N, C-alpha and C. Protein backbone atom coordinates (compact mmCIF):
# COMPACT_ATOMS: atom_id res chain seq x y z
N MET A 1 -5.81 -176.67 21.46
CA MET A 1 -6.40 -176.86 22.76
C MET A 1 -5.97 -178.22 23.29
N GLY A 2 -5.54 -178.27 24.54
CA GLY A 2 -5.06 -179.52 25.12
C GLY A 2 -6.18 -180.46 25.47
N LYS A 3 -5.80 -181.66 25.77
CA LYS A 3 -6.76 -182.70 26.12
C LYS A 3 -7.55 -182.28 27.36
N GLY A 4 -8.87 -182.41 27.27
CA GLY A 4 -9.73 -182.09 28.41
C GLY A 4 -9.92 -180.61 28.64
N GLN A 5 -9.49 -179.77 27.70
CA GLN A 5 -9.63 -178.34 27.89
C GLN A 5 -10.86 -177.83 27.16
N ASN A 6 -11.49 -176.81 27.73
CA ASN A 6 -12.62 -176.18 27.07
C ASN A 6 -12.11 -175.12 26.11
N GLU A 7 -13.01 -174.40 25.47
CA GLU A 7 -12.58 -173.42 24.48
C GLU A 7 -11.77 -172.28 25.07
N GLY A 8 -11.88 -172.05 26.37
CA GLY A 8 -11.08 -171.00 27.01
C GLY A 8 -9.68 -171.45 27.37
N GLY A 9 -9.37 -172.73 27.19
CA GLY A 9 -8.03 -173.23 27.44
C GLY A 9 -7.84 -173.88 28.80
N PHE A 10 -8.85 -173.87 29.66
CA PHE A 10 -8.74 -174.49 30.97
C PHE A 10 -9.44 -175.83 30.97
N SER A 11 -8.88 -176.77 31.71
CA SER A 11 -9.53 -178.08 31.86
C SER A 11 -10.69 -177.94 32.84
N GLU A 12 -11.56 -178.93 32.84
CA GLU A 12 -12.68 -178.92 33.79
C GLU A 12 -12.17 -178.94 35.22
N ASP A 13 -11.06 -179.66 35.46
CA ASP A 13 -10.47 -179.69 36.80
C ASP A 13 -9.98 -178.31 37.22
N GLN A 14 -9.35 -177.59 36.29
CA GLN A 14 -8.88 -176.24 36.60
C GLN A 14 -10.05 -175.31 36.91
N LEU A 15 -11.09 -175.39 36.08
CA LEU A 15 -12.27 -174.53 36.31
C LEU A 15 -12.91 -174.84 37.66
N GLN A 16 -12.95 -176.12 38.03
CA GLN A 16 -13.52 -176.48 39.33
C GLN A 16 -12.65 -175.93 40.46
N MET A 17 -11.33 -175.98 40.30
CA MET A 17 -10.43 -175.43 41.31
C MET A 17 -10.66 -173.92 41.45
N TYR A 18 -10.77 -173.21 40.32
CA TYR A 18 -11.04 -171.77 40.37
C TYR A 18 -12.37 -171.50 41.07
N LYS A 19 -13.38 -172.30 40.75
CA LYS A 19 -14.70 -172.12 41.37
C LYS A 19 -14.63 -172.34 42.88
N ASP A 20 -13.92 -173.39 43.29
CA ASP A 20 -13.78 -173.68 44.72
C ASP A 20 -13.04 -172.55 45.44
N CYS A 21 -11.97 -172.05 44.81
CA CYS A 21 -11.21 -170.94 45.41
C CYS A 21 -12.07 -169.68 45.49
N PHE A 22 -12.82 -169.42 44.44
CA PHE A 22 -13.69 -168.24 44.44
C PHE A 22 -14.68 -168.33 45.59
N LYS A 23 -15.29 -169.50 45.77
CA LYS A 23 -16.26 -169.67 46.86
C LYS A 23 -15.62 -169.47 48.22
N LEU A 24 -14.38 -169.93 48.38
CA LEU A 24 -13.68 -169.73 49.65
C LEU A 24 -13.40 -168.25 49.92
N MET A 25 -13.05 -167.52 48.87
CA MET A 25 -12.72 -166.11 49.04
C MET A 25 -13.96 -165.23 49.20
N ASP A 26 -15.09 -165.66 48.65
CA ASP A 26 -16.33 -164.87 48.69
C ASP A 26 -16.94 -164.97 50.09
N ILE A 27 -16.37 -164.24 51.03
CA ILE A 27 -16.74 -164.35 52.44
C ILE A 27 -18.22 -164.06 52.68
N ASN A 28 -18.75 -163.01 52.04
CA ASN A 28 -20.16 -162.65 52.27
C ASN A 28 -21.13 -163.38 51.34
N LYS A 29 -20.59 -164.26 50.49
CA LYS A 29 -21.39 -165.14 49.62
C LYS A 29 -22.36 -164.39 48.72
N ASP A 30 -21.92 -163.22 48.21
CA ASP A 30 -22.79 -162.45 47.31
C ASP A 30 -22.48 -162.69 45.83
N GLY A 31 -21.53 -163.59 45.55
CA GLY A 31 -21.20 -163.90 44.16
C GLY A 31 -20.21 -162.95 43.52
N GLN A 32 -19.67 -162.02 44.30
CA GLN A 32 -18.67 -161.08 43.81
C GLN A 32 -17.59 -160.93 44.87
N LEU A 33 -16.35 -160.81 44.40
CA LEU A 33 -15.26 -160.54 45.34
C LEU A 33 -15.08 -159.03 45.43
N ASP A 34 -15.08 -158.52 46.65
CA ASP A 34 -14.80 -157.11 46.87
C ASP A 34 -13.51 -156.99 47.68
N LYS A 35 -13.15 -155.76 48.05
CA LYS A 35 -11.89 -155.56 48.77
C LYS A 35 -11.84 -156.34 50.08
N ASN A 36 -12.96 -156.40 50.79
CA ASN A 36 -12.96 -157.13 52.06
C ASN A 36 -12.74 -158.62 51.84
N ASP A 37 -13.32 -159.17 50.78
CA ASP A 37 -13.11 -160.58 50.47
C ASP A 37 -11.64 -160.84 50.15
N LEU A 38 -11.05 -160.00 49.29
CA LEU A 38 -9.65 -160.18 48.92
C LEU A 38 -8.72 -159.98 50.12
N ARG A 39 -9.01 -158.96 50.92
CA ARG A 39 -8.20 -158.70 52.10
C ARG A 39 -8.20 -159.93 53.01
N GLY A 40 -9.38 -160.52 53.23
CA GLY A 40 -9.48 -161.71 54.07
C GLY A 40 -8.70 -162.88 53.50
N ALA A 41 -8.77 -163.06 52.18
CA ALA A 41 -8.04 -164.16 51.54
C ALA A 41 -6.54 -163.99 51.72
N PHE A 42 -6.04 -162.78 51.51
CA PHE A 42 -4.61 -162.54 51.67
C PHE A 42 -4.21 -162.61 53.14
N ASP A 43 -5.04 -162.08 54.03
CA ASP A 43 -4.74 -162.18 55.47
C ASP A 43 -4.60 -163.63 55.89
N ASN A 44 -5.45 -164.50 55.34
CA ASN A 44 -5.41 -165.92 55.70
C ASN A 44 -4.10 -166.60 55.34
N VAL A 45 -3.40 -166.06 54.35
CA VAL A 45 -2.11 -166.64 53.98
C VAL A 45 -0.94 -165.77 54.46
N GLY A 46 -1.24 -164.83 55.35
CA GLY A 46 -0.19 -164.03 55.97
C GLY A 46 0.35 -162.88 55.15
N VAL A 47 -0.43 -162.41 54.17
CA VAL A 47 0.01 -161.30 53.32
C VAL A 47 -0.91 -160.11 53.56
N LEU A 48 -0.32 -159.00 54.02
CA LEU A 48 -1.09 -157.79 54.24
C LEU A 48 -1.05 -156.95 52.96
N MET A 49 -2.23 -156.63 52.44
CA MET A 49 -2.33 -155.86 51.20
C MET A 49 -2.80 -154.45 51.51
N SER A 50 -2.22 -153.47 50.82
CA SER A 50 -2.66 -152.08 50.98
C SER A 50 -3.95 -151.86 50.19
N GLU A 51 -4.61 -150.77 50.48
CA GLU A 51 -5.82 -150.41 49.74
C GLU A 51 -5.51 -150.30 48.24
N GLY A 52 -4.38 -149.68 47.93
CA GLY A 52 -3.99 -149.51 46.53
C GLY A 52 -3.75 -150.84 45.82
N GLU A 53 -3.12 -151.77 46.52
CA GLU A 53 -2.87 -153.09 45.93
C GLU A 53 -4.19 -153.82 45.67
N LEU A 54 -5.10 -153.73 46.62
CA LEU A 54 -6.41 -154.37 46.45
C LEU A 54 -7.17 -153.74 45.30
N ASP A 55 -7.14 -152.40 45.23
CA ASP A 55 -7.79 -151.69 44.12
C ASP A 55 -7.19 -152.12 42.78
N GLY A 56 -5.86 -152.26 42.75
CA GLY A 56 -5.19 -152.67 41.53
C GLY A 56 -5.62 -154.06 41.07
N LEU A 57 -5.71 -154.99 42.02
CA LEU A 57 -6.15 -156.34 41.67
C LEU A 57 -7.57 -156.33 41.12
N LEU A 58 -8.45 -155.62 41.81
CA LEU A 58 -9.84 -155.57 41.35
C LEU A 58 -9.96 -154.84 40.02
N GLY A 59 -9.09 -153.86 39.79
CA GLY A 59 -9.11 -153.11 38.54
C GLY A 59 -8.74 -153.95 37.32
N GLU A 60 -7.99 -155.03 37.56
CA GLU A 60 -7.60 -155.90 36.44
C GLU A 60 -8.78 -156.69 35.88
N ILE A 61 -9.84 -156.81 36.65
CA ILE A 61 -10.99 -157.61 36.23
C ILE A 61 -11.79 -156.89 35.14
N GLY A 62 -11.91 -155.58 35.23
CA GLY A 62 -12.67 -154.84 34.23
C GLY A 62 -14.17 -154.98 34.44
N GLY A 63 -14.61 -154.74 35.64
CA GLY A 63 -16.03 -154.87 36.00
C GLY A 63 -16.15 -155.56 37.34
N ALA A 64 -17.34 -156.01 37.64
CA ALA A 64 -17.55 -156.72 38.90
C ALA A 64 -16.71 -157.99 38.93
N CYS A 65 -16.15 -158.32 40.07
CA CYS A 65 -15.29 -159.50 40.19
C CYS A 65 -16.15 -160.73 40.50
N THR A 66 -16.84 -161.17 39.46
CA THR A 66 -17.63 -162.40 39.57
C THR A 66 -16.73 -163.57 39.16
N TYR A 67 -17.22 -164.78 39.38
CA TYR A 67 -16.45 -165.96 38.97
C TYR A 67 -16.17 -165.92 37.47
N ASP A 68 -17.20 -165.65 36.68
CA ASP A 68 -17.03 -165.63 35.22
C ASP A 68 -16.02 -164.58 34.77
N ASN A 69 -16.09 -163.38 35.37
CA ASN A 69 -15.15 -162.32 34.99
C ASN A 69 -13.73 -162.65 35.43
N MET A 70 -13.61 -163.32 36.58
CA MET A 70 -12.29 -163.72 37.06
C MET A 70 -11.66 -164.73 36.09
N VAL A 71 -12.44 -165.72 35.67
CA VAL A 71 -11.93 -166.72 34.73
C VAL A 71 -11.57 -166.07 33.40
N LYS A 72 -12.39 -165.15 32.95
CA LYS A 72 -12.11 -164.44 31.69
C LYS A 72 -10.79 -163.69 31.80
N MET A 73 -10.54 -163.04 32.93
CA MET A 73 -9.30 -162.32 33.14
C MET A 73 -8.12 -163.29 33.14
N PHE A 74 -8.28 -164.46 33.80
CA PHE A 74 -7.21 -165.47 33.79
C PHE A 74 -6.93 -165.92 32.36
N GLN A 75 -7.99 -166.13 31.58
CA GLN A 75 -7.81 -166.58 30.19
C GLN A 75 -7.03 -165.54 29.40
N GLU A 76 -7.37 -164.27 29.58
CA GLU A 76 -6.68 -163.20 28.84
C GLU A 76 -5.22 -163.11 29.26
N LYS A 77 -4.97 -163.22 30.57
CA LYS A 77 -3.60 -163.12 31.08
C LYS A 77 -2.74 -164.30 30.65
N MET A 78 -3.36 -165.46 30.51
CA MET A 78 -2.60 -166.67 30.21
C MET A 78 -2.55 -167.00 28.72
N ALA A 79 -3.18 -166.17 27.90
CA ALA A 79 -3.17 -166.42 26.45
C ALA A 79 -1.78 -166.17 25.89
N GLY A 80 -1.43 -166.90 24.88
CA GLY A 80 -0.15 -166.68 24.21
C GLY A 80 0.85 -167.76 24.55
N ASP A 81 1.99 -167.68 23.87
CA ASP A 81 3.02 -168.70 24.02
C ASP A 81 4.04 -168.37 25.09
N GLY A 82 3.99 -167.20 25.68
CA GLY A 82 5.02 -166.79 26.62
C GLY A 82 4.81 -167.26 28.04
N ASN A 83 3.78 -168.03 28.29
CA ASN A 83 3.50 -168.46 29.66
C ASN A 83 4.08 -169.83 29.95
N ASP A 84 4.44 -170.03 31.21
CA ASP A 84 4.99 -171.30 31.64
C ASP A 84 3.89 -172.33 31.82
N SER A 85 4.24 -173.59 31.67
CA SER A 85 3.28 -174.67 31.86
C SER A 85 2.91 -174.78 33.34
N ASP A 86 1.75 -175.36 33.61
CA ASP A 86 1.32 -175.55 34.99
C ASP A 86 2.34 -176.36 35.78
N ASP A 87 2.89 -177.41 35.15
CA ASP A 87 3.87 -178.26 35.84
C ASP A 87 5.10 -177.47 36.26
N LEU A 88 5.59 -176.59 35.40
CA LEU A 88 6.75 -175.79 35.72
C LEU A 88 6.46 -174.84 36.88
N ILE A 89 5.28 -174.25 36.87
CA ILE A 89 4.90 -173.33 37.95
C ILE A 89 4.79 -174.09 39.26
N VAL A 90 4.18 -175.27 39.26
CA VAL A 90 4.07 -176.07 40.47
C VAL A 90 5.45 -176.44 40.99
N GLN A 91 6.36 -176.82 40.10
CA GLN A 91 7.72 -177.16 40.51
C GLN A 91 8.42 -175.96 41.14
N ALA A 92 8.20 -174.78 40.60
CA ALA A 92 8.82 -173.58 41.15
C ALA A 92 8.33 -173.32 42.57
N PHE A 93 7.03 -173.48 42.80
CA PHE A 93 6.51 -173.27 44.14
C PHE A 93 7.00 -174.35 45.10
N LYS A 94 7.11 -175.58 44.62
CA LYS A 94 7.59 -176.67 45.47
C LYS A 94 9.03 -176.43 45.93
N ALA A 95 9.79 -175.69 45.13
CA ALA A 95 11.17 -175.39 45.52
C ALA A 95 11.21 -174.56 46.80
N TYR A 96 10.15 -173.82 47.10
CA TYR A 96 10.09 -172.99 48.29
C TYR A 96 9.19 -173.58 49.38
N ASP A 97 8.68 -174.76 49.14
CA ASP A 97 7.76 -175.42 50.06
C ASP A 97 8.49 -175.86 51.33
N GLN A 98 7.98 -175.42 52.47
CA GLN A 98 8.51 -175.83 53.76
C GLN A 98 7.35 -176.40 54.57
N GLU A 99 7.17 -177.70 54.47
CA GLU A 99 6.09 -178.40 55.19
C GLU A 99 4.72 -177.81 54.86
N GLY A 100 4.49 -177.59 53.57
CA GLY A 100 3.19 -177.11 53.12
C GLY A 100 3.01 -175.61 53.15
N LYS A 101 4.04 -174.87 53.51
CA LYS A 101 3.96 -173.40 53.56
C LYS A 101 5.16 -172.80 52.85
N ILE A 102 4.99 -171.57 52.41
CA ILE A 102 6.07 -170.84 51.76
C ILE A 102 6.37 -169.61 52.59
N ASP A 103 7.63 -169.41 52.92
CA ASP A 103 8.06 -168.23 53.67
C ASP A 103 7.95 -167.03 52.74
N SER A 104 7.04 -166.13 53.05
CA SER A 104 6.76 -165.02 52.12
C SER A 104 7.96 -164.10 51.94
N LYS A 105 8.75 -163.89 52.98
CA LYS A 105 9.91 -163.00 52.85
C LYS A 105 10.96 -163.62 51.94
N MET A 106 11.20 -164.91 52.10
CA MET A 106 12.17 -165.59 51.26
C MET A 106 11.69 -165.60 49.80
N PHE A 107 10.39 -165.86 49.61
CA PHE A 107 9.84 -165.90 48.27
C PHE A 107 9.88 -164.53 47.62
N THR A 108 9.53 -163.49 48.36
CA THR A 108 9.60 -162.12 47.84
C THR A 108 11.03 -161.78 47.44
N HIS A 109 11.98 -162.14 48.30
CA HIS A 109 13.39 -161.87 47.99
C HIS A 109 13.79 -162.55 46.68
N ALA A 110 13.37 -163.80 46.52
CA ALA A 110 13.71 -164.55 45.30
C ALA A 110 13.11 -163.88 44.06
N LEU A 111 11.91 -163.34 44.19
CA LEU A 111 11.27 -162.69 43.05
C LEU A 111 11.91 -161.35 42.71
N MET A 112 12.47 -160.70 43.71
CA MET A 112 13.02 -159.36 43.51
C MET A 112 14.49 -159.36 43.11
N THR A 113 15.15 -160.51 43.19
CA THR A 113 16.58 -160.54 42.86
C THR A 113 16.83 -161.24 41.55
């Protein structure tokens, strides 16, 4: 476990970031993310999601999409040695940064080629 990390592998700063993001996405403030919450979050960043895509995202949680279940899912997805470090991921996104925004078409093209 790294410095400042809890038993789940996330630092307190990371958990606070996840909590802040969850609160921003929880539009109706009921403590759970539903399709409307996720749709709004993606709409805000210019990404239109289909019903199937939203269902798929929610299906990965394995129950109600509460903050705790979301973090648990992140922990499960990020477990193991095959994942990139946070610094590497940030650097990858910065490569596509255009004045604080990422062109979704260019980014999608890069991921698909």
